[in-house]
N, C-alpha and C. Protein backbone atom coordinates (compact mmCIF):
# COMPACT_ATOMS: atom_id res chain seq x y z
N MET A 1 25.48 -0.79 -20.16
CA MET A 1 25.60 -0.77 -18.72
C MET A 1 25.24 -2.11 -18.09
N LEU A 2 24.48 -2.96 -18.79
CA LEU A 2 24.15 -4.28 -18.25
C LEU A 2 25.41 -5.11 -18.13
N THR A 3 25.68 -5.64 -16.94
CA THR A 3 26.93 -6.36 -16.71
C THR A 3 26.74 -7.82 -16.35
N ALA A 4 25.50 -8.29 -16.19
CA ALA A 4 25.26 -9.69 -15.84
C ALA A 4 23.94 -10.13 -16.45
N LYS A 5 23.79 -11.44 -16.65
CA LYS A 5 22.53 -11.99 -17.12
C LYS A 5 22.44 -13.45 -16.73
N HIS A 6 21.21 -13.92 -16.57
CA HIS A 6 20.95 -15.33 -16.33
C HIS A 6 19.50 -15.61 -16.65
N GLU A 7 19.17 -16.86 -16.81
CA GLU A 7 17.79 -17.24 -17.12
C GLU A 7 16.94 -17.16 -15.86
N GLY A 8 15.64 -16.92 -16.05
CA GLY A 8 14.72 -16.84 -14.92
C GLY A 8 14.66 -15.44 -14.33
N ALA A 9 13.91 -15.31 -13.26
CA ALA A 9 13.67 -13.99 -12.66
C ALA A 9 14.71 -13.61 -11.61
N GLY A 10 15.60 -14.51 -11.27
CA GLY A 10 16.61 -14.18 -10.26
C GLY A 10 15.98 -13.82 -8.93
N ASN A 11 16.45 -12.77 -8.31
CA ASN A 11 15.90 -12.32 -7.02
C ASN A 11 14.57 -11.61 -7.16
N TYR A 12 14.15 -11.35 -8.38
CA TYR A 12 12.86 -10.73 -8.70
C TYR A 12 12.65 -9.39 -8.01
N HIS A 13 13.67 -8.57 -8.04
CA HIS A 13 13.55 -7.22 -7.47
C HIS A 13 14.02 -6.14 -8.45
N TYR A 14 14.26 -6.52 -9.67
CA TYR A 14 14.80 -5.59 -10.64
C TYR A 14 13.80 -4.53 -11.09
N HIS A 15 12.52 -4.73 -10.82
CA HIS A 15 11.49 -3.77 -11.22
C HIS A 15 11.28 -2.66 -10.18
N PHE A 16 11.95 -2.75 -9.05
CA PHE A 16 11.83 -1.71 -8.04
C PHE A 16 12.76 -0.57 -8.38
N PRO A 17 12.52 0.68 -7.97
CA PRO A 17 11.60 1.07 -6.90
C PRO A 17 10.15 1.16 -7.36
N SER A 18 9.30 1.03 -6.38
CA SER A 18 7.87 1.18 -6.56
C SER A 18 7.33 1.86 -5.31
N SER A 19 6.27 2.63 -5.45
CA SER A 19 5.74 3.26 -4.25
C SER A 19 5.16 2.18 -3.33
N ALA A 20 5.41 2.33 -2.07
CA ALA A 20 4.88 1.41 -1.06
C ALA A 20 3.59 2.03 -0.51
N VAL A 21 2.52 1.27 -0.57
CA VAL A 21 1.25 1.72 -0.04
C VAL A 21 0.84 0.79 1.10
N ILE A 22 -0.08 1.27 1.91
CA ILE A 22 -0.69 0.40 2.91
C ILE A 22 -2.13 0.16 2.47
N VAL A 23 -2.45 -1.11 2.24
CA VAL A 23 -3.78 -1.53 1.83
C VAL A 23 -4.57 -1.80 3.11
N THR A 24 -5.78 -1.27 3.17
CA THR A 24 -6.62 -1.48 4.35
C THR A 24 -7.93 -2.15 3.93
N ALA A 25 -8.48 -2.91 4.88
CA ALA A 25 -9.75 -3.59 4.63
C ALA A 25 -10.45 -3.82 5.96
N ARG A 26 -11.78 -3.95 5.89
CA ARG A 26 -12.59 -4.21 7.09
C ARG A 26 -13.78 -5.07 6.67
N HIS A 27 -14.11 -6.02 7.56
CA HIS A 27 -15.32 -6.83 7.34
C HIS A 27 -15.78 -7.38 8.69
N GLU A 28 -17.06 -7.17 8.96
CA GLU A 28 -17.71 -7.67 10.19
C GLU A 28 -16.88 -7.41 11.45
N GLY A 29 -16.44 -6.16 11.60
CA GLY A 29 -15.73 -5.75 12.80
C GLY A 29 -14.25 -6.07 12.82
N LYS A 30 -13.76 -6.80 11.85
CA LYS A 30 -12.32 -7.10 11.76
C LYS A 30 -11.72 -6.20 10.69
N GLU A 31 -10.52 -5.68 10.99
CA GLU A 31 -9.85 -4.80 10.04
C GLU A 31 -8.38 -5.15 9.98
N ASN A 32 -7.77 -4.76 8.89
CA ASN A 32 -6.35 -5.03 8.74
C ASN A 32 -5.70 -3.99 7.84
N ALA A 33 -4.37 -3.93 7.96
CA ALA A 33 -3.53 -3.08 7.14
C ALA A 33 -2.33 -3.91 6.72
N MET A 34 -1.97 -3.82 5.46
CA MET A 34 -0.78 -4.53 4.98
C MET A 34 -0.05 -3.66 3.96
N THR A 35 1.24 -3.81 3.88
CA THR A 35 2.04 -3.05 2.94
C THR A 35 2.10 -3.77 1.61
N ALA A 36 2.01 -3.03 0.52
CA ALA A 36 2.07 -3.61 -0.82
C ALA A 36 2.86 -2.69 -1.75
N ALA A 37 3.64 -3.31 -2.62
CA ALA A 37 4.38 -2.56 -3.64
C ALA A 37 3.88 -2.91 -5.04
N TRP A 38 3.02 -3.92 -5.14
CA TRP A 38 2.48 -4.31 -6.44
C TRP A 38 1.08 -3.74 -6.57
N HIS A 39 0.98 -2.56 -7.13
CA HIS A 39 -0.30 -1.87 -7.29
C HIS A 39 -0.18 -0.88 -8.44
N ALA A 40 -1.33 -0.53 -9.05
CA ALA A 40 -1.28 0.37 -10.20
C ALA A 40 -2.67 0.86 -10.57
N PRO A 41 -2.74 2.03 -11.24
CA PRO A 41 -4.00 2.47 -11.84
C PRO A 41 -4.27 1.65 -13.10
N PHE A 42 -5.55 1.45 -13.42
CA PHE A 42 -5.92 0.66 -14.59
C PHE A 42 -6.77 1.44 -15.59
N SER A 43 -7.47 2.48 -15.13
CA SER A 43 -8.37 3.20 -16.03
C SER A 43 -8.69 4.56 -15.43
N PHE A 44 -8.84 5.58 -16.32
CA PHE A 44 -9.31 6.89 -15.88
C PHE A 44 -10.82 6.91 -15.73
N SER A 45 -11.52 6.29 -16.70
CA SER A 45 -12.98 6.37 -16.71
C SER A 45 -13.58 5.01 -17.06
N PRO A 46 -14.11 4.29 -16.08
CA PRO A 46 -14.17 4.65 -14.67
C PRO A 46 -12.80 4.55 -14.02
N PRO A 47 -12.62 5.21 -12.87
CA PRO A 47 -11.31 5.21 -12.21
C PRO A 47 -11.06 3.89 -11.49
N TYR A 48 -10.29 3.00 -12.12
CA TYR A 48 -9.97 1.70 -11.54
C TYR A 48 -8.55 1.69 -11.01
N TYR A 49 -8.38 1.03 -9.86
CA TYR A 49 -7.05 0.87 -9.26
C TYR A 49 -6.92 -0.57 -8.80
N GLY A 50 -5.75 -1.16 -9.01
CA GLY A 50 -5.58 -2.56 -8.66
C GLY A 50 -4.41 -2.81 -7.73
N VAL A 51 -4.51 -3.91 -6.99
CA VAL A 51 -3.45 -4.33 -6.08
C VAL A 51 -3.37 -5.85 -6.11
N LEU A 52 -2.16 -6.36 -6.07
CA LEU A 52 -1.94 -7.81 -6.03
C LEU A 52 -1.67 -8.23 -4.59
N ILE A 53 -2.40 -9.26 -4.14
CA ILE A 53 -2.29 -9.72 -2.75
C ILE A 53 -2.25 -11.24 -2.74
N SER A 54 -1.38 -11.79 -1.92
CA SER A 54 -1.28 -13.24 -1.76
C SER A 54 -2.50 -13.76 -1.00
N PRO A 55 -3.03 -14.93 -1.39
CA PRO A 55 -4.16 -15.52 -0.65
C PRO A 55 -3.80 -15.88 0.80
N ARG A 56 -2.52 -15.90 1.14
CA ARG A 56 -2.10 -16.19 2.51
C ARG A 56 -2.32 -15.00 3.46
N ARG A 57 -2.60 -13.85 2.92
CA ARG A 57 -2.74 -12.63 3.73
C ARG A 57 -4.17 -12.49 4.27
N PHE A 58 -4.27 -12.01 5.50
CA PHE A 58 -5.57 -11.76 6.13
C PHE A 58 -6.36 -10.72 5.34
N THR A 59 -5.66 -9.74 4.79
CA THR A 59 -6.31 -8.70 3.98
C THR A 59 -7.02 -9.31 2.78
N PHE A 60 -6.45 -10.35 2.19
CA PHE A 60 -7.06 -11.06 1.08
C PHE A 60 -8.47 -11.53 1.48
N GLN A 61 -8.57 -12.16 2.64
CA GLN A 61 -9.88 -12.65 3.12
C GLN A 61 -10.86 -11.51 3.34
N LEU A 62 -10.38 -10.42 3.95
CA LEU A 62 -11.26 -9.29 4.22
C LEU A 62 -11.79 -8.63 2.94
N ILE A 63 -10.93 -8.50 1.94
CA ILE A 63 -11.37 -7.89 0.67
C ILE A 63 -12.36 -8.82 -0.03
N ASN A 64 -12.07 -10.11 -0.05
CA ASN A 64 -12.99 -11.06 -0.68
C ASN A 64 -14.37 -11.01 -0.04
N SER A 65 -14.41 -10.85 1.27
CA SER A 65 -15.69 -10.83 1.98
C SER A 65 -16.41 -9.49 1.89
N SER A 66 -15.67 -8.39 2.04
CA SER A 66 -16.29 -7.06 2.09
C SER A 66 -16.49 -6.45 0.71
N ARG A 67 -15.69 -6.89 -0.28
CA ARG A 67 -15.75 -6.37 -1.65
C ARG A 67 -15.32 -4.89 -1.72
N GLN A 68 -14.42 -4.49 -0.82
CA GLN A 68 -13.89 -3.12 -0.82
C GLN A 68 -12.51 -3.09 -0.18
N PHE A 69 -11.74 -2.05 -0.49
CA PHE A 69 -10.41 -1.91 0.10
C PHE A 69 -9.96 -0.46 0.00
N GLY A 70 -8.95 -0.12 0.80
CA GLY A 70 -8.36 1.21 0.78
C GLY A 70 -6.91 1.13 0.33
N ILE A 71 -6.46 2.15 -0.38
CA ILE A 71 -5.06 2.29 -0.79
C ILE A 71 -4.57 3.58 -0.15
N ASN A 72 -3.58 3.47 0.74
CA ASN A 72 -3.05 4.62 1.48
C ASN A 72 -1.62 4.88 1.03
N PHE A 73 -1.38 6.05 0.43
CA PHE A 73 -0.06 6.43 -0.05
C PHE A 73 0.69 7.09 1.11
N MET A 74 1.82 6.50 1.47
CA MET A 74 2.52 6.90 2.68
C MET A 74 3.77 7.72 2.38
N PRO A 75 4.10 8.66 3.28
CA PRO A 75 5.35 9.40 3.14
C PRO A 75 6.51 8.61 3.75
N LEU A 76 7.72 8.98 3.40
CA LEU A 76 8.92 8.30 3.91
C LEU A 76 8.94 8.25 5.43
N GLU A 77 8.40 9.28 6.09
CA GLU A 77 8.40 9.30 7.55
C GLU A 77 7.64 8.11 8.15
N GLN A 78 6.85 7.44 7.33
CA GLN A 78 6.05 6.30 7.81
C GLN A 78 6.68 4.95 7.40
N ALA A 79 7.98 4.94 7.08
CA ALA A 79 8.64 3.70 6.67
C ALA A 79 8.57 2.64 7.76
N GLU A 80 8.74 3.04 9.01
CA GLU A 80 8.67 2.06 10.11
C GLU A 80 7.28 1.46 10.23
N LEU A 81 6.25 2.28 10.03
CA LEU A 81 4.89 1.77 10.06
C LEU A 81 4.67 0.80 8.91
N ALA A 82 5.14 1.15 7.72
CA ALA A 82 5.00 0.25 6.56
C ALA A 82 5.69 -1.07 6.83
N ALA A 83 6.88 -1.03 7.42
CA ALA A 83 7.59 -2.27 7.74
C ALA A 83 6.85 -3.06 8.82
N ALA A 84 6.29 -2.37 9.80
CA ALA A 84 5.58 -3.05 10.89
C ALA A 84 4.33 -3.78 10.39
N VAL A 85 3.51 -3.09 9.60
CA VAL A 85 2.28 -3.74 9.13
C VAL A 85 2.60 -4.79 8.07
N GLY A 86 3.72 -4.63 7.37
CA GLY A 86 4.13 -5.63 6.40
C GLY A 86 4.77 -6.86 7.03
N GLY A 87 5.28 -6.70 8.24
CA GLY A 87 5.99 -7.80 8.89
C GLY A 87 5.23 -8.48 10.01
N SER A 88 3.96 -8.14 10.18
CA SER A 88 3.15 -8.78 11.22
C SER A 88 1.90 -9.38 10.60
N LYS A 89 1.29 -10.30 11.31
CA LYS A 89 0.14 -11.04 10.77
C LYS A 89 -1.17 -10.51 11.32
N GLY A 90 -2.00 -10.00 10.42
CA GLY A 90 -3.28 -9.41 10.80
C GLY A 90 -4.26 -10.38 11.41
N ALA A 91 -4.13 -11.67 11.12
CA ALA A 91 -5.02 -12.67 11.72
C ALA A 91 -4.68 -12.89 13.19
N GLU A 92 -3.47 -12.48 13.59
CA GLU A 92 -3.02 -12.70 14.97
C GLU A 92 -3.04 -11.45 15.83
N VAL A 93 -3.02 -10.27 15.21
CA VAL A 93 -2.92 -9.03 15.98
C VAL A 93 -3.71 -7.92 15.29
N ASN A 94 -4.32 -7.06 16.09
CA ASN A 94 -4.98 -5.88 15.54
C ASN A 94 -3.89 -4.82 15.33
N LYS A 95 -3.49 -4.64 14.10
CA LYS A 95 -2.38 -3.74 13.80
C LYS A 95 -2.71 -2.29 14.11
N PHE A 96 -3.98 -1.91 13.98
CA PHE A 96 -4.36 -0.52 14.27
C PHE A 96 -4.13 -0.20 15.74
N GLU A 97 -4.43 -1.15 16.62
CA GLU A 97 -4.19 -0.94 18.05
C GLU A 97 -2.71 -1.08 18.38
N LYS A 98 -2.07 -2.15 17.91
CA LYS A 98 -0.68 -2.42 18.25
C LYS A 98 0.26 -1.30 17.81
N TYR A 99 0.05 -0.75 16.62
CA TYR A 99 0.94 0.27 16.09
C TYR A 99 0.36 1.68 16.20
N ASN A 100 -0.74 1.80 16.95
CA ASN A 100 -1.37 3.10 17.21
C ASN A 100 -1.62 3.87 15.91
N ILE A 101 -2.24 3.18 14.95
CA ILE A 101 -2.52 3.79 13.65
C ILE A 101 -3.79 4.64 13.77
N LYS A 102 -3.65 5.91 13.51
CA LYS A 102 -4.78 6.84 13.56
C LYS A 102 -5.57 6.75 12.26
N LYS A 103 -6.89 6.75 12.37
CA LYS A 103 -7.75 6.59 11.21
C LYS A 103 -8.57 7.85 10.94
N ASP A 104 -8.85 8.06 9.67
CA ASP A 104 -9.77 9.09 9.21
C ASP A 104 -11.07 8.37 8.84
N SER A 105 -12.16 9.08 8.84
CA SER A 105 -13.44 8.47 8.51
C SER A 105 -13.56 8.26 7.01
N PRO A 106 -14.01 7.07 6.59
CA PRO A 106 -14.25 6.85 5.16
C PRO A 106 -15.48 7.63 4.70
N VAL A 107 -15.59 7.86 3.40
CA VAL A 107 -16.70 8.62 2.82
C VAL A 107 -17.76 7.69 2.23
N LYS A 108 -17.34 6.69 1.44
CA LYS A 108 -18.28 5.85 0.70
C LYS A 108 -18.18 4.35 1.03
N THR A 109 -17.19 3.95 1.83
CA THR A 109 -16.98 2.54 2.16
C THR A 109 -16.84 2.43 3.67
N SER A 110 -16.46 1.26 4.14
CA SER A 110 -16.16 1.10 5.57
C SER A 110 -14.67 0.85 5.80
N VAL A 111 -13.84 1.02 4.77
CA VAL A 111 -12.41 0.72 4.91
C VAL A 111 -11.72 1.78 5.78
N PRO A 112 -10.76 1.34 6.60
CA PRO A 112 -9.99 2.32 7.38
C PRO A 112 -9.11 3.17 6.45
N ILE A 113 -9.08 4.46 6.72
CA ILE A 113 -8.21 5.38 6.00
C ILE A 113 -7.17 5.87 7.01
N ILE A 114 -5.90 5.81 6.64
CA ILE A 114 -4.82 6.15 7.57
C ILE A 114 -4.57 7.66 7.53
N LYS A 115 -4.67 8.30 8.71
CA LYS A 115 -4.53 9.76 8.79
C LYS A 115 -3.17 10.27 8.35
N THR A 116 -2.12 9.48 8.53
CA THR A 116 -0.77 9.94 8.19
C THR A 116 -0.42 9.73 6.72
N ALA A 117 -1.35 9.22 5.92
CA ALA A 117 -1.13 9.09 4.47
C ALA A 117 -1.21 10.49 3.86
N TYR A 118 -0.53 10.69 2.74
CA TYR A 118 -0.66 11.98 2.05
C TYR A 118 -1.77 11.92 1.00
N ALA A 119 -2.23 10.69 0.69
CA ALA A 119 -3.38 10.49 -0.20
C ALA A 119 -3.92 9.09 0.06
N ALA A 120 -5.20 8.90 -0.19
CA ALA A 120 -5.81 7.58 0.01
C ALA A 120 -7.00 7.43 -0.92
N TYR A 121 -7.22 6.20 -1.38
CA TYR A 121 -8.37 5.86 -2.22
C TYR A 121 -9.27 4.89 -1.47
N GLU A 122 -10.56 5.11 -1.56
CA GLU A 122 -11.54 4.11 -1.15
C GLU A 122 -11.99 3.42 -2.42
N CYS A 123 -11.93 2.11 -2.46
CA CYS A 123 -12.25 1.35 -3.66
C CYS A 123 -13.31 0.28 -3.38
N ARG A 124 -14.23 0.16 -4.34
CA ARG A 124 -15.21 -0.94 -4.33
C ARG A 124 -14.76 -1.95 -5.37
N LEU A 125 -14.66 -3.20 -4.96
CA LEU A 125 -14.15 -4.27 -5.82
C LEU A 125 -15.05 -4.46 -7.04
N VAL A 126 -14.44 -4.46 -8.22
CA VAL A 126 -15.19 -4.71 -9.45
C VAL A 126 -14.75 -6.00 -10.13
N ASP A 127 -13.55 -6.48 -9.79
CA ASP A 127 -13.06 -7.71 -10.41
C ASP A 127 -11.88 -8.24 -9.61
N SER A 128 -11.67 -9.54 -9.72
CA SER A 128 -10.48 -10.16 -9.15
C SER A 128 -10.12 -11.37 -10.00
N LYS A 129 -8.83 -11.62 -10.10
CA LYS A 129 -8.36 -12.75 -10.90
C LYS A 129 -7.02 -13.21 -10.35
N THR A 130 -6.82 -14.51 -10.36
CA THR A 130 -5.57 -15.09 -9.88
C THR A 130 -4.52 -15.04 -10.98
N TYR A 131 -3.34 -14.54 -10.60
CA TYR A 131 -2.17 -14.56 -11.46
C TYR A 131 -1.04 -15.20 -10.67
N GLY A 132 -0.72 -16.44 -10.98
CA GLY A 132 0.34 -17.14 -10.25
C GLY A 132 -0.02 -17.28 -8.79
N ASP A 133 0.84 -16.79 -7.92
CA ASP A 133 0.63 -16.94 -6.47
C ASP A 133 -0.02 -15.71 -5.83
N HIS A 134 -0.56 -14.79 -6.65
CA HIS A 134 -1.24 -13.61 -6.13
C HIS A 134 -2.60 -13.42 -6.82
N GLU A 135 -3.46 -12.68 -6.14
CA GLU A 135 -4.77 -12.32 -6.68
C GLU A 135 -4.73 -10.83 -7.02
N LEU A 136 -5.17 -10.50 -8.23
CA LEU A 136 -5.29 -9.10 -8.60
C LEU A 136 -6.70 -8.64 -8.24
N PHE A 137 -6.78 -7.69 -7.31
CA PHE A 137 -8.04 -7.07 -6.94
C PHE A 137 -8.12 -5.72 -7.64
N VAL A 138 -9.15 -5.51 -8.44
CA VAL A 138 -9.34 -4.24 -9.13
C VAL A 138 -10.58 -3.58 -8.54
N GLY A 139 -10.41 -2.35 -8.09
CA GLY A 139 -11.51 -1.62 -7.49
C GLY A 139 -11.78 -0.31 -8.19
N GLU A 140 -13.03 0.12 -8.14
CA GLU A 140 -13.37 1.45 -8.63
C GLU A 140 -13.16 2.43 -7.49
N ILE A 141 -12.44 3.50 -7.75
CA ILE A 141 -12.21 4.52 -6.74
C ILE A 141 -13.52 5.29 -6.55
N VAL A 142 -14.07 5.22 -5.34
CA VAL A 142 -15.35 5.88 -5.07
C VAL A 142 -15.19 7.10 -4.15
N ALA A 143 -14.01 7.27 -3.56
CA ALA A 143 -13.71 8.45 -2.74
C ALA A 143 -12.20 8.61 -2.65
N VAL A 144 -11.76 9.85 -2.54
CA VAL A 144 -10.35 10.18 -2.44
C VAL A 144 -10.13 11.08 -1.23
N HIS A 145 -9.06 10.83 -0.51
CA HIS A 145 -8.63 11.68 0.61
C HIS A 145 -7.22 12.17 0.24
N PHE A 146 -6.89 13.43 0.49
CA PHE A 146 -5.56 13.91 0.14
C PHE A 146 -5.19 15.16 0.93
N ASP A 147 -3.88 15.38 1.03
CA ASP A 147 -3.32 16.57 1.65
C ASP A 147 -3.33 17.67 0.60
N GLN A 148 -4.16 18.70 0.79
CA GLN A 148 -4.30 19.76 -0.21
C GLN A 148 -3.00 20.49 -0.49
N LYS A 149 -2.12 20.63 0.52
CA LYS A 149 -0.84 21.30 0.30
C LYS A 149 0.05 20.50 -0.64
N ALA A 150 -0.07 19.18 -0.60
CA ALA A 150 0.77 18.32 -1.44
C ALA A 150 0.28 18.25 -2.88
N PHE A 151 -1.00 18.57 -3.09
CA PHE A 151 -1.60 18.48 -4.41
C PHE A 151 -2.27 19.81 -4.81
N PRO A 152 -1.48 20.86 -5.04
CA PRO A 152 -2.08 22.15 -5.39
C PRO A 152 -2.59 22.19 -6.83
N GLY A 153 -2.14 21.26 -7.66
CA GLY A 153 -2.55 21.22 -9.07
C GLY A 153 -2.98 19.82 -9.43
N LYS A 154 -2.45 19.32 -10.56
CA LYS A 154 -2.85 18.01 -11.05
C LYS A 154 -1.95 16.88 -10.58
N GLY A 155 -0.93 17.17 -9.82
CA GLY A 155 -0.03 16.11 -9.36
C GLY A 155 0.60 16.47 -8.04
N LEU A 156 1.38 15.54 -7.52
CA LEU A 156 2.08 15.74 -6.25
C LEU A 156 3.16 16.80 -6.42
N ASP A 157 3.15 17.80 -5.56
CA ASP A 157 4.15 18.86 -5.57
C ASP A 157 5.24 18.46 -4.57
N LEU A 158 6.39 18.03 -5.08
CA LEU A 158 7.47 17.57 -4.21
C LEU A 158 8.03 18.69 -3.33
N SER A 159 7.82 19.94 -3.72
CA SER A 159 8.29 21.05 -2.88
C SER A 159 7.38 21.25 -1.67
N SER A 160 6.28 20.52 -1.59
CA SER A 160 5.35 20.63 -0.46
C SER A 160 5.91 19.98 0.80
N GLY A 161 7.00 19.24 0.66
CA GLY A 161 7.59 18.57 1.81
C GLY A 161 7.21 17.10 1.91
N VAL A 162 6.30 16.63 1.06
CA VAL A 162 5.93 15.22 1.05
C VAL A 162 6.98 14.45 0.25
N ALA A 163 7.57 13.45 0.90
CA ALA A 163 8.53 12.57 0.24
C ALA A 163 7.87 11.19 0.15
N PRO A 164 7.38 10.79 -1.04
CA PRO A 164 6.68 9.52 -1.17
C PRO A 164 7.56 8.34 -0.77
N LEU A 165 6.97 7.38 -0.07
CA LEU A 165 7.69 6.18 0.36
C LEU A 165 7.86 5.25 -0.83
N LEU A 166 9.11 4.96 -1.17
CA LEU A 166 9.43 4.05 -2.26
C LEU A 166 10.03 2.77 -1.68
N TYR A 167 9.61 1.63 -2.23
CA TYR A 167 10.15 0.35 -1.81
C TYR A 167 11.19 -0.07 -2.84
N LEU A 168 12.40 -0.42 -2.35
CA LEU A 168 13.50 -0.77 -3.24
C LEU A 168 13.72 -2.27 -3.36
N GLY A 169 12.97 -3.06 -2.60
CA GLY A 169 13.19 -4.50 -2.52
C GLY A 169 13.89 -4.83 -1.22
N GLY A 170 13.80 -6.09 -0.81
CA GLY A 170 14.41 -6.47 0.46
C GLY A 170 13.76 -5.71 1.59
N GLU A 171 14.55 -5.07 2.41
CA GLU A 171 14.04 -4.27 3.53
C GLU A 171 14.37 -2.80 3.34
N ASN A 172 14.60 -2.38 2.11
CA ASN A 172 15.05 -1.02 1.84
C ASN A 172 13.94 -0.12 1.32
N TYR A 173 13.86 1.05 1.93
CA TYR A 173 12.90 2.08 1.52
C TYR A 173 13.68 3.35 1.20
N SER A 174 13.15 4.14 0.31
CA SER A 174 13.79 5.39 -0.06
C SER A 174 12.69 6.38 -0.43
N SER A 175 13.10 7.48 -1.03
CA SER A 175 12.14 8.46 -1.51
C SER A 175 12.72 9.14 -2.73
N THR A 176 12.12 10.25 -3.11
CA THR A 176 12.53 10.95 -4.31
C THR A 176 13.86 11.68 -4.16
N ASP A 177 14.35 11.82 -2.94
CA ASP A 177 15.66 12.41 -2.71
C ASP A 177 16.69 11.28 -2.76
N LYS A 178 17.57 11.30 -3.75
CA LYS A 178 18.52 10.20 -3.94
C LYS A 178 19.49 10.04 -2.78
N ASN A 179 19.58 11.02 -1.91
CA ASN A 179 20.48 10.94 -0.77
C ASN A 179 19.85 10.26 0.44
N ILE A 180 18.57 9.87 0.32
CA ILE A 180 17.89 9.24 1.45
C ILE A 180 17.56 7.79 1.10
N THR A 181 18.14 6.87 1.83
CA THR A 181 17.76 5.46 1.75
C THR A 181 17.70 4.96 3.17
N ARG A 182 16.63 4.23 3.50
CA ARG A 182 16.47 3.71 4.86
C ARG A 182 16.29 2.20 4.80
N PHE A 183 17.07 1.48 5.60
CA PHE A 183 16.89 0.05 5.79
C PHE A 183 15.94 -0.11 6.96
N VAL A 184 14.81 -0.76 6.73
CA VAL A 184 13.82 -0.93 7.78
C VAL A 184 13.51 -2.42 7.85
N ASP A 185 13.99 -3.08 8.87
CA ASP A 185 13.86 -4.53 9.01
C ASP A 185 12.46 -4.90 9.48
N ARG A 186 11.69 -5.58 8.63
CA ARG A 186 10.32 -5.97 8.98
C ARG A 186 10.30 -6.94 10.16
N GLN A 187 11.38 -7.70 10.34
CA GLN A 187 11.42 -8.63 11.46
C GLN A 187 11.46 -7.87 12.80
N ILE A 188 12.06 -6.71 12.80
CA ILE A 188 12.11 -5.89 14.02
C ILE A 188 10.82 -5.09 14.18
N TYR A 189 10.41 -4.38 13.14
CA TYR A 189 9.25 -3.51 13.25
C TYR A 189 7.93 -4.27 13.21
N GLY A 190 7.95 -5.49 12.69
CA GLY A 190 6.73 -6.29 12.62
C GLY A 190 6.44 -7.07 13.88
N GLN A 191 7.24 -6.89 14.91
CA GLN A 191 7.06 -7.65 16.17
C GLN A 191 6.08 -6.96 17.09
């Protein structure tokens, strides 16, 4: 089925889809939210979760200073919010106020938890390392928030009505229903 090839990474989007999450951080009264598609679990015991963030991002500074971060798993209905927080600069605008992001109270950290997420992790930073133009932040999950209807057993129940937000590359978002694809322009929603 492969019909083309060339050297190098090309457009570097061949590894998508990936779930799009909103990473949150807070330090000394400043908070931010940013969208990320480069994230993954690293260990069951202890429960480690990692996210790659560019040093150019305001969230990078907040995580480095506070040593904690949140991972918010968003449903497809929040694609516009994901595009907005991904397309605006946290150093210039309070995204929680501008986009009217509702927060839930954290349990073990001070990171903002997004109420419209279907699941969220509070993480305490245990390690960070630079890989190319991004920093890998690895945190231990110290608290979990989740929609009980979406997780009646050991995993996400897709019949619960939750459609996880998937990032396809570019400005395209989709979900587990192959008939749903949404183009969400970060230049429009990030304004």
